[in-house]
Amino acid sequence: MLIKSTVIFLPLLMSLSVKAGVSFTNLRVFIDNKSNKQDFTLLNRGNESESCQISLIDYNVAEDGSLTALEQNKRTSNSAQPYVRLSPKRVTIKPQQSQKLKIIARGYRKAESNELHSYLSIACKPSDDGLLFKDETNSKYKTPSIRPVMISRIPIIIRKQQVPVNIDFTDITFTTKGEKTLLNFTLLKEGERSIYGKLKLLDETGEQIAIKSSVSAYIQAKAIKHTLQFKNTDSKKFTLLYEENPKFGGTETKSIEITKP
């Protein structure tokens, strides 16, 4: 789960235009026993240089999948922080350029938990002297006192070995909202590892009518609520499907047949 936020320090301003320039080639980092290294690329698609600071932080994960930020310098019991090295930790990326971040995991095979989990915290802001403003005469000027900071948090998973995981669905209901139908359900996950993949809904002809990508359940999560939305249809029978993404260490699938009341 990618977490994004914006922090803007504002004194007095008239008209502000903020352009977020930095994006990423991946929204998840996965390391297993096949390789202890990963490259992660930051792309500056904006029109001004961006200064970025990269660090590691942890969140508590509840059984329902919700995240709670920890106090500064606090770590979870299965934190990846003691085992991960980042280089570089501070970068300036010119417009339309990229920067490669090297991620190396060491010593994690001796960790007590089979799977370690933290977040890359990437905080970026324009590295120019200020942001562009226009006054009432349409004259352009810059002020160095306003510094918007775009903060992105990318999950990093380190898995010592592949272990079985059970996936299922429960609490399935249908509701109608205008021309849309909502399928509400709970995704169940049991096992000592996380899952990451897609949810799909097929009608009785096998046609895909709804999809949700980047669906994750971390190692602590056991029951996560989801909703899939699709156009009203005459179909009464459906197939609900979860597929793991093999790129991130999983090949499990789970499907069930559903009949709409």
C-alpha atoms as a PDB file:
ATOM      1  CA  MET A   1       0.000   0.000   0.000  1.00  0.00           C
ATOM      2  CA  LEU A   2       1.496   3.254  -1.129  1.00  0.00           C
ATOM      3  CA  ILE A   3       0.966   6.114   1.335  1.00  0.00           C
ATOM      4  CA  LYS A   4       1.160   9.681   0.046  1.00  0.00           C
ATOM      5  CA  SER A   5       0.784  12.997   1.814  1.00  0.00           C
ATOM      6  CA  THR A   6       1.609  16.647   1.277  1.00  0.00           C
ATOM      7  CA  VAL A   7       2.968  19.024   3.906  1.00  0.00           C
ATOM      8  CA  ILE A   8       2.952  22.707   2.970  1.00  0.00           C
ATOM      9  CA  PHE A   9       4.342  25.388   5.259  1.00  0.00           C
ATOM     10  CA  LEU A  10       2.369  28.532   4.454  1.00  0.00           C
ATOM     11  CA  PRO A  11       2.763  32.064   5.807  1.00  0.00           C
ATOM     12  CA  LEU A  12       0.662  34.510   3.712  1.00  0.00           C
ATOM     13  CA  LEU A  13       0.011  33.553   0.096  1.00  0.00           C
ATOM     14  CA  MET A  14      -2.086  34.745  -2.812  1.00  0.00           C
ATOM     15  CA  SER A  15      -2.238  32.073  -5.536  1.00  0.00           C
ATOM     16  CA  LEU A  16      -0.257  28.877  -5.226  1.00  0.00           C
ATOM     17  CA  SER A  17       0.392  26.284  -7.931  1.00  0.00           C
ATOM     18  CA  VAL A  18       2.171  23.140  -6.716  1.00  0.00           C
ATOM     19  CA  LYS A  19       3.378  20.549  -9.205  1.00  0.00           C
ATOM     20  CA  ALA A  20       4.419  17.138  -7.859  1.00  0.00           C
ATOM     21  CA  GLY A  21       7.285  16.072 -10.069  1.00  0.00           C
ATOM     22  CA  VAL A  22       8.663  12.861  -8.516  1.00  0.00           C
ATOM     23  CA  SER A  23       7.219   9.454  -9.341  1.00  0.00           C
ATOM     24  CA  PHE A  24       8.506   5.891  -9.027  1.00  0.00           C
ATOM     25  CA  THR A  25       9.044   2.863 -11.245  1.00  0.00           C
ATOM     26  CA  ASN A  26       7.608   0.547  -8.554  1.00  0.00           C
ATOM     27  CA  LEU A  27       5.122   0.962  -5.720  1.00  0.00           C
ATOM     28  CA  ARG A  28       6.529  -1.942  -3.725  1.00  0.00           C
ATOM     29  CA  VAL A  29       9.972  -3.393  -2.935  1.00  0.00           C
ATOM     30  CA  PHE A  30      10.322  -7.158  -2.478  1.00  0.00           C
ATOM     31  CA  ILE A  31      13.443  -9.058  -1.389  1.00  0.00           C
ATOM     32  CA  ASP A  32      13.614 -12.809  -0.840  1.00  0.00           C
ATOM     33  CA  ASN A  33      16.246 -15.551  -0.488  1.00  0.00           C
ATOM     34  CA  LYS A  34      17.078 -15.360  -4.210  1.00  0.00           C
ATOM     35  CA  SER A  35      18.623 -11.896  -4.040  1.00  0.00           C
ATOM     36  CA  ASN A  36      19.359  -9.402  -1.282  1.00  0.00           C
ATOM     37  CA  LYS A  37      19.525  -6.375  -3.585  1.00  0.00           C
ATOM     38  CA  GLN A  38      16.979  -4.165  -5.320  1.00  0.00           C
ATOM     39  CA  ASP A  39      17.267  -1.014  -7.401  1.00  0.00           C
ATOM     40  CA  PHE A  40      14.531   1.568  -7.002  1.00  0.00           C
ATOM     41  CA  THR A  41      14.244   4.465  -9.463  1.00  0.00           C
ATOM     42  CA  LEU A  42      12.941   7.960  -8.726  1.00  0.00           C
ATOM     43  CA  LEU A  43      11.738   9.921 -11.761  1.00  0.00           C
ATOM     44  CA  ASN A  44      11.393  13.700 -11.818  1.00  0.00           C
ATOM     45  CA  ARG A  45       8.728  14.438 -14.426  1.00  0.00           C
ATOM     46  CA  GLY A  46       8.349  18.055 -13.305  1.00  0.00           C
ATOM     47  CA  ASN A  47       9.865  21.257 -14.655  1.00  0.00           C
ATOM     48  CA  GLU A  48      12.108  22.092 -11.692  1.00  0.00           C
ATOM     49  CA  SER A  49      14.730  20.259  -9.663  1.00  0.00           C
ATOM     50  CA  GLU A  50      13.555  18.225  -6.672  1.00  0.00           C
ATOM     51  CA  SER A  51      15.503  17.547  -3.478  1.00  0.00           C
ATOM     52  CA  CYS A  52      14.565  14.236  -1.852  1.00  0.00           C
ATOM     53  CA  GLN A  53      15.407  12.646   1.477  1.00  0.00           C
ATOM     54  CA  ILE A  54      14.995   8.858   1.820  1.00  0.00           C
ATOM     55  CA  SER A  55      14.638   6.985   5.108  1.00  0.00           C
ATOM     56  CA  LEU A  56      12.872   3.979   6.664  1.00  0.00           C
ATOM     57  CA  ILE A  57       9.840   4.074   8.959  1.00  0.00           C
ATOM     58  CA  ASP A  58       7.389   1.571  10.451  1.00  0.00           C
ATOM     59  CA  TYR A  59       3.623   1.338  10.878  1.00  0.00           C
ATOM     60  CA  ASN A  60       1.624  -0.923  13.153  1.00  0.00           C
ATOM     61  CA  VAL A  61      -0.642  -3.169  11.084  1.00  0.00           C
ATOM     62  CA  ALA A  62      -3.970  -4.220  12.637  1.00  0.00           C
ATOM     63  CA  GLU A  63      -5.848  -7.437  11.859  1.00  0.00           C
ATOM     64  CA  ASP A  64      -8.228  -5.442   9.647  1.00  0.00           C
ATOM     65  CA  GLY A  65      -5.284  -4.130   7.632  1.00  0.00           C
ATOM     66  CA  SER A  66      -5.424  -0.569   8.975  1.00  0.00           C
ATOM     67  CA  LEU A  67      -2.139   1.237   9.585  1.00  0.00           C
ATOM     68  CA  THR A  68      -1.113   3.326  12.587  1.00  0.00           C
ATOM     69  CA  ALA A  69       1.988   5.494  12.512  1.00  0.00           C
ATOM     70  CA  LEU A  70       4.549   4.806  15.229  1.00  0.00           C
ATOM     71  CA  GLU A  71       6.286   7.461  17.259  1.00  0.00           C
ATOM     72  CA  GLN A  72       9.600   8.628  15.873  1.00  0.00           C
ATOM     73  CA  ASN A  73      12.396   6.033  16.155  1.00  0.00           C
ATOM     74  CA  LYS A  74       9.944   3.299  17.255  1.00  0.00           C
ATOM     75  CA  ARG A  75      10.003  -0.034  15.428  1.00  0.00           C
ATOM     76  CA  THR A  76       7.651  -2.988  15.032  1.00  0.00           C
ATOM     77  CA  SER A  77       8.656  -6.516  16.063  1.00  0.00           C
ATOM     78  CA  ASN A  78       9.145  -7.512  12.409  1.00  0.00           C
ATOM     79  CA  SER A  79      10.738  -4.261  11.267  1.00  0.00           C
ATOM     80  CA  ALA A  80      13.022  -4.427   8.244  1.00  0.00           C
ATOM     81  CA  GLN A  81      14.975  -1.373   9.389  1.00  0.00           C
ATOM     82  CA  PRO A  82      17.881  -3.184  11.149  1.00  0.00           C
ATOM     83  CA  TYR A  83      18.629  -5.153   7.984  1.00  0.00           C
ATOM     84  CA  VAL A  84      18.271  -2.574   5.193  1.00  0.00           C
ATOM     85  CA  ARG A  85      20.897  -0.210   3.821  1.00  0.00           C
ATOM     86  CA  LEU A  86      19.935   2.639   1.475  1.00  0.00           C
ATOM     87  CA  SER A  87      22.230   4.553  -0.868  1.00  0.00           C
ATOM     88  CA  PRO A  88      22.033   7.460  -1.427  1.00  0.00           C
ATOM     89  CA  LYS A  89      19.795   8.922   1.299  1.00  0.00           C
ATOM     90  CA  ARG A  90      19.749  12.489  -0.060  1.00  0.00           C
ATOM     91  CA  VAL A  91      19.492  13.378  -3.737  1.00  0.00           C
ATOM     92  CA  THR A  92      18.707  16.286  -6.023  1.00  0.00           C
ATOM     93  CA  ILE A  93      17.028  15.264  -9.262  1.00  0.00           C
ATOM     94  CA  LYS A  94      17.015  17.621 -12.219  1.00  0.00           C
ATOM     95  CA  PRO A  95      13.867  18.054 -14.357  1.00  0.00           C
ATOM     96  CA  GLN A  96      13.109  15.072 -16.603  1.00  0.00           C
ATOM     97  CA  GLN A  97      15.965  13.106 -15.018  1.00  0.00           C
ATOM     98  CA  SER A  98      16.056  10.020 -12.798  1.00  0.00           C
ATOM     99  CA  GLN A  99      17.964   8.784  -9.754  1.00  0.00           C
ATOM    100  CA  LYS A 100      18.620   5.155  -8.876  1.00  0.00           C
ATOM    101  CA  LEU A 101      18.345   4.150  -5.218  1.00  0.00           C
ATOM    102  CA  LYS A 102      20.216   1.006  -4.136  1.00  0.00           C
ATOM    103  CA  ILE A 103      18.557  -1.156  -1.480  1.00  0.00           C
ATOM    104  CA  ILE A 104      20.619  -3.914   0.157  1.00  0.00           C
ATOM    105  CA  ALA A 105      19.383  -6.298   2.879  1.00  0.00           C
ATOM    106  CA  ARG A 106      21.920  -7.962   5.156  1.00  0.00           C
ATOM    107  CA  GLY A 107      21.618 -10.347   8.106  1.00  0.00           C
ATOM    108  CA  TYR A 108      17.871 -10.830   7.692  1.00  0.00           C
ATOM    109  CA  ARG A 109      18.156 -14.623   7.486  1.00  0.00           C
ATOM    110  CA  LYS A 110      18.873 -14.602  11.233  1.00  0.00           C
ATOM    111  CA  ALA A 111      15.720 -12.585  12.020  1.00  0.00           C
ATOM    112  CA  GLU A 112      13.075 -14.299  14.155  1.00  0.00           C
ATOM    113  CA  SER A 113      10.189 -13.405  11.843  1.00  0.00           C
ATOM    114  CA  ASN A 114       9.918 -15.080   8.435  1.00  0.00           C
ATOM    115  CA  GLU A 115       8.839 -11.779   6.890  1.00  0.00           C
ATOM    116  CA  LEU A 116      10.075  -8.278   7.657  1.00  0.00           C
ATOM    117  CA  HIS A 117       8.163  -5.132   6.745  1.00  0.00           C
ATOM    118  CA  SER A 118       8.925  -1.411   6.764  1.00  0.00           C
ATOM    119  CA  TYR A 119       8.320   1.590   4.495  1.00  0.00           C
ATOM    120  CA  LEU A 120      10.617   3.683   2.364  1.00  0.00           C
ATOM    121  CA  SER A 121       9.803   7.271   3.289  1.00  0.00           C
ATOM    122  CA  ILE A 122      10.608   9.556   0.356  1.00  0.00           C
ATOM    123  CA  ALA A 123      10.187  13.268   1.093  1.00  0.00           C
ATOM    124  CA  CYS A 124      10.664  15.586  -1.899  1.00  0.00           C
ATOM    125  CA  LYS A 125      10.400  19.329  -2.364  1.00  0.00           C
ATOM    126  CA  PRO A 126      11.441  21.809  -5.070  1.00  0.00           C
ATOM    127  CA  SER A 127      15.124  22.633  -4.711  1.00  0.00           C
ATOM    128  CA  ASP A 128      14.736  26.036  -6.366  1.00  0.00           C
ATOM    129  CA  ASP A 129      14.887  29.178  -4.237  1.00  0.00           C
ATOM    130  CA  GLY A 130      11.108  29.393  -4.092  1.00  0.00           C
ATOM    131  CA  LEU A 131       7.803  28.717  -5.766  1.00  0.00           C
ATOM    132  CA  LEU A 132       6.385  30.738  -8.631  1.00  0.00           C
ATOM    133  CA  PHE A 133       3.657  33.259  -7.800  1.00  0.00           C
ATOM    134  CA  LYS A 134       1.730  35.941  -9.665  1.00  0.00           C
ATOM    135  CA  ASP A 135       0.511  39.162  -8.065  1.00  0.00           C
ATOM    136  CA  GLU A 136      -2.487  41.264  -9.062  1.00  0.00           C
ATOM    137  CA  THR A 137      -0.476  42.927 -11.856  1.00  0.00           C
ATOM    138  CA  ASN A 138       0.365  39.453 -13.245  1.00  0.00           C
ATOM    139  CA  SER A 139       4.036  40.000 -12.425  1.00  0.00           C
ATOM    140  CA  LYS A 140       5.903  36.829 -11.549  1.00  0.00           C
ATOM    141  CA  TYR A 141       7.945  36.507  -8.382  1.00  0.00           C
ATOM    142  CA  LYS A 142       9.243  33.771  -6.108  1.00  0.00           C
ATOM    143  CA  THR A 143       9.243  33.360  -2.369  1.00  0.00           C
ATOM    144  CA  PRO A 144      11.654  31.106  -0.487  1.00  0.00           C
ATOM    145  CA  SER A 145       9.395  30.878   2.571  1.00  0.00           C
ATOM    146  CA  ILE A 146       6.900  28.356   1.176  1.00  0.00           C
ATOM    147  CA  ARG A 147       8.203  24.807   0.954  1.00  0.00           C
ATOM    148  CA  PRO A 148       5.736  22.102  -0.093  1.00  0.00           C
ATOM    149  CA  VAL A 149       6.937  18.625   0.806  1.00  0.00           C
ATOM    150  CA  MET A 150       5.537  15.596  -1.024  1.00  0.00           C
ATOM    151  CA  ILE A 151       5.930  12.499   1.156  1.00  0.00           C
ATOM    152  CA  SER A 152       5.510   9.019  -0.318  1.00  0.00           C
ATOM    153  CA  ARG A 153       5.831   5.796   1.620  1.00  0.00           C
ATOM    154  CA  ILE A 154       6.633   2.641  -0.306  1.00  0.00           C
ATOM    155  CA  PRO A 155       6.275  -0.774   1.387  1.00  0.00           C
ATOM    156  CA  ILE A 156       9.418  -2.884   1.544  1.00  0.00           C
ATOM    157  CA  ILE A 157       9.011  -6.618   2.194  1.00  0.00           C
ATOM    158  CA  ILE A 158      11.860  -9.010   3.045  1.00  0.00           C
ATOM    159  CA  ARG A 159      10.881 -12.691   3.047  1.00  0.00           C
ATOM    160  CA  LYS A 160      13.273 -15.401   4.232  1.00  0.00           C
ATOM    161  CA  GLN A 161      11.401 -18.309   2.698  1.00  0.00           C
ATOM    162  CA  GLN A 162       8.158 -19.020   0.903  1.00  0.00           C
ATOM    163  CA  VAL A 163       5.477 -20.437   3.191  1.00  0.00           C
ATOM    164  CA  PRO A 164       1.862 -21.489   2.538  1.00  0.00           C
ATOM    165  CA  VAL A 165      -0.930 -18.962   2.853  1.00  0.00           C
ATOM    166  CA  ASN A 166      -4.692 -19.474   2.849  1.00  0.00           C
ATOM    167  CA  ILE A 167      -6.984 -16.953   1.157  1.00  0.00           C
ATOM    168  CA  ASP A 168     -10.770 -16.877   1.415  1.00  0.00           C
ATOM    169  CA  PHE A 169     -13.820 -14.583   1.307  1.00  0.00           C
ATOM    170  CA  THR A 170     -16.649 -14.011   3.766  1.00  0.00           C
ATOM    171  CA  ASP A 171     -19.405 -11.495   4.703  1.00  0.00           C
ATOM    172  CA  ILE A 172     -20.507 -11.188   1.055  1.00  0.00           C
ATOM    173  CA  THR A 173     -23.362  -8.786   0.324  1.00  0.00           C
ATOM    174  CA  PHE A 174     -24.747  -6.881  -2.667  1.00  0.00           C
ATOM    175  CA  THR A 175     -26.079  -3.330  -2.550  1.00  0.00           C
ATOM    176  CA  THR A 176     -27.431  -1.111  -5.333  1.00  0.00           C
ATOM    177  CA  LYS A 177     -26.456   2.536  -5.757  1.00  0.00           C
ATOM    178  CA  GLY A 178     -28.213   4.116  -8.728  1.00  0.00           C
ATOM    179  CA  GLU A 179     -26.893   2.486 -11.887  1.00  0.00           C
ATOM    180  CA  LYS A 180     -24.121   0.727  -9.963  1.00  0.00           C
ATOM    181  CA  THR A 181     -24.012  -2.462  -7.916  1.00  0.00           C
ATOM    182  CA  LEU A 182     -21.592  -2.793  -4.991  1.00  0.00           C
ATOM    183  CA  LEU A 183     -20.188  -6.159  -3.952  1.00  0.00           C
ATOM    184  CA  ASN A 184     -19.045  -5.899  -0.338  1.00  0.00           C
ATOM    185  CA  PHE A 185     -16.951  -8.636   1.241  1.00  0.00           C
ATOM    186  CA  THR A 186     -14.089  -9.455   3.603  1.00  0.00           C
ATOM    187  CA  LEU A 187     -10.815 -10.879   2.323  1.00  0.00           C
ATOM    188  CA  LEU A 188      -9.416 -13.453   4.764  1.00  0.00           C
ATOM    189  CA  LYS A 189      -5.694 -14.229   4.924  1.00  0.00           C
ATOM    190  CA  GLU A 190      -4.040 -16.860   7.116  1.00  0.00           C
ATOM    191  CA  GLY A 191      -0.308 -17.588   7.102  1.00  0.00           C
ATOM    192  CA  GLU A 192       3.106 -16.225   8.040  1.00  0.00           C
ATOM    193  CA  ARG A 193       3.557 -13.990   5.029  1.00  0.00           C
ATOM    194  CA  SER A 194       1.866 -11.141   3.207  1.00  0.00           C
ATOM    195  CA  ILE A 195      -0.047 -11.306  -0.065  1.00  0.00           C
ATOM    196  CA  TYR A 196      -0.155  -8.819  -2.934  1.00  0.00           C
ATOM    197  CA  GLY A 197      -2.212  -9.017  -6.101  1.00  0.00           C
ATOM    198  CA  LYS A 198      -5.564  -8.266  -7.765  1.00  0.00           C
ATOM    199  CA  LEU A 199      -9.236  -8.759  -7.001  1.00  0.00           C
ATOM    200  CA  LYS A 200     -11.432  -9.546  -9.994  1.00  0.00           C
ATOM    201  CA  LEU A 201     -15.135 -10.072 -10.501  1.00  0.00           C
ATOM    202  CA  LEU A 202     -16.452 -12.068 -13.481  1.00  0.00           C
ATOM    203  CA  ASP A 203     -20.053 -12.384 -14.601  1.00  0.00           C
ATOM    204  CA  GLU A 204     -21.674 -15.704 -15.553  1.00  0.00           C
ATOM    205  CA  THR A 205     -20.257 -15.494 -19.105  1.00  0.00           C
ATOM    206  CA  GLY A 206     -16.705 -15.141 -17.747  1.00  0.00           C
ATOM    207  CA  GLU A 207     -16.421 -11.461 -18.672  1.00  0.00           C
ATOM    208  CA  GLN A 208     -14.492  -9.309 -16.210  1.00  0.00           C
ATOM    209  CA  ILE A 209     -16.789  -6.596 -14.857  1.00  0.00           C
ATOM    210  CA  ALA A 210     -14.711  -5.219 -11.961  1.00  0.00           C
ATOM    211  CA  ILE A 211     -11.075  -5.199 -10.864  1.00  0.00           C
ATOM    212  CA  LYS A 212      -9.037  -3.769  -7.993  1.00  0.00           C
ATOM    213  CA  SER A 213      -5.246  -3.765  -8.344  1.00  0.00           C
ATOM    214  CA  SER A 214      -2.459  -3.504  -5.741  1.00  0.00           C
ATOM    215  CA  VAL A 215      -4.469  -5.349  -3.094  1.00  0.00           C
ATOM    216  CA  SER A 216      -2.235  -6.303  -0.179  1.00  0.00           C
ATOM    217  CA  ALA A 217      -2.614  -7.964   3.194  1.00  0.00           C
ATOM    218  CA  TYR A 218       0.467  -7.754   5.369  1.00  0.00           C
ATOM    219  CA  ILE A 219       1.597 -10.535   7.682  1.00  0.00           C
ATOM    220  CA  GLN A 220      -0.409  -9.203  10.673  1.00  0.00           C
ATOM    221  CA  ALA A 221      -3.606  -8.644   8.664  1.00  0.00           C
ATOM    222  CA  LYS A 222      -6.268 -11.354   8.822  1.00  0.00           C
ATOM    223  CA  ALA A 223      -9.583  -9.864   7.644  1.00  0.00           C
ATOM    224  CA  ILE A 224      -9.767  -6.831   5.339  1.00  0.00           C
ATOM    225  CA  LYS A 225     -12.995  -5.314   4.008  1.00  0.00           C
ATOM    226  CA  HIS A 226     -13.267  -4.560   0.282  1.00  0.00           C
ATOM    227  CA  THR A 227     -15.839  -3.310  -2.213  1.00  0.00           C
ATOM    228  CA  LEU A 228     -16.013  -3.918  -5.954  1.00  0.00           C
ATOM    229  CA  GLN A 229     -18.305  -1.696  -8.031  1.00  0.00           C
ATOM    230  CA  PHE A 230     -19.835  -2.569 -11.391  1.00  0.00           C
ATOM    231  CA  LYS A 231     -22.696  -1.534 -13.657  1.00  0.00           C
ATOM    232  CA  ASN A 232     -26.085  -3.060 -12.939  1.00  0.00           C
ATOM    233  CA  THR A 233     -26.481  -6.301 -14.838  1.00  0.00           C
ATOM    234  CA  ASP A 234     -29.035  -9.084 -15.306  1.00  0.00           C
ATOM    235  CA  SER A 235     -26.438 -11.653 -14.258  1.00  0.00           C
ATOM    236  CA  LYS A 236     -27.181 -13.483 -11.017  1.00  0.00           C
ATOM    237  CA  LYS A 237     -24.069 -15.654 -10.858  1.00  0.00           C
ATOM    238  CA  PHE A 238     -20.562 -14.264 -10.403  1.00  0.00           C
ATOM    239  CA  THR A 239     -17.009 -15.428  -9.766  1.00  0.00           C
ATOM    240  CA  LEU A 240     -14.941 -13.538  -7.185  1.00  0.00           C
ATOM    241  CA  LEU A 241     -11.217 -14.067  -7.702  1.00  0.00           C
ATOM    242  CA  TYR A 242      -7.982 -13.084  -5.986  1.00  0.00           C
ATOM    243  CA  GLU A 243      -4.677 -13.545  -7.841  1.00  0.00           C
ATOM    244  CA  GLU A 244      -1.256 -12.955  -6.311  1.00  0.00           C
ATOM    245  CA  ASN A 245       1.377 -11.131  -8.344  1.00  0.00           C
ATOM    246  CA  PRO A 246       4.289 -13.557  -8.975  1.00  0.00           C
ATOM    247  CA  LYS A 247       6.687 -10.616  -9.283  1.00  0.00           C
ATOM    248  CA  PHE A 248       6.291 -10.050  -5.550  1.00  0.00           C
ATOM    249  CA  GLY A 249       6.730 -13.594  -4.308  1.00  0.00           C
ATOM    250  CA  GLY A 250       3.323 -15.251  -4.556  1.00  0.00           C
ATOM    251  CA  THR A 251       1.398 -17.533  -6.901  1.00  0.00           C
ATOM    252  CA  GLU A 252      -1.714 -18.277  -4.847  1.00  0.00           C
ATOM    253  CA  THR A 253      -5.180 -17.848  -6.335  1.00  0.00           C
ATOM    254  CA  LYS A 254      -8.595 -18.148  -4.756  1.00  0.00           C
ATOM    255  CA  SER A 255     -11.988 -18.043  -6.449  1.00  0.00           C
ATOM    256  CA  ILE A 256     -15.544 -18.620  -5.279  1.00  0.00           C
ATOM    257  CA  GLU A 257     -18.902 -18.695  -7.047  1.00  0.00           C
ATOM    258  CA  ILE A 258     -21.478 -16.159  -5.838  1.00  0.00           C
ATOM    259  CA  THR A 259     -25.205 -16.042  -6.480  1.00  0.00           C
ATOM    260  CA  LYS A 260     -26.914 -12.677  -6.148  1.00  0.00           C
ATOM    261  CA  PRO A 261     -30.185 -12.868  -4.172  1.00  0.00           C
END
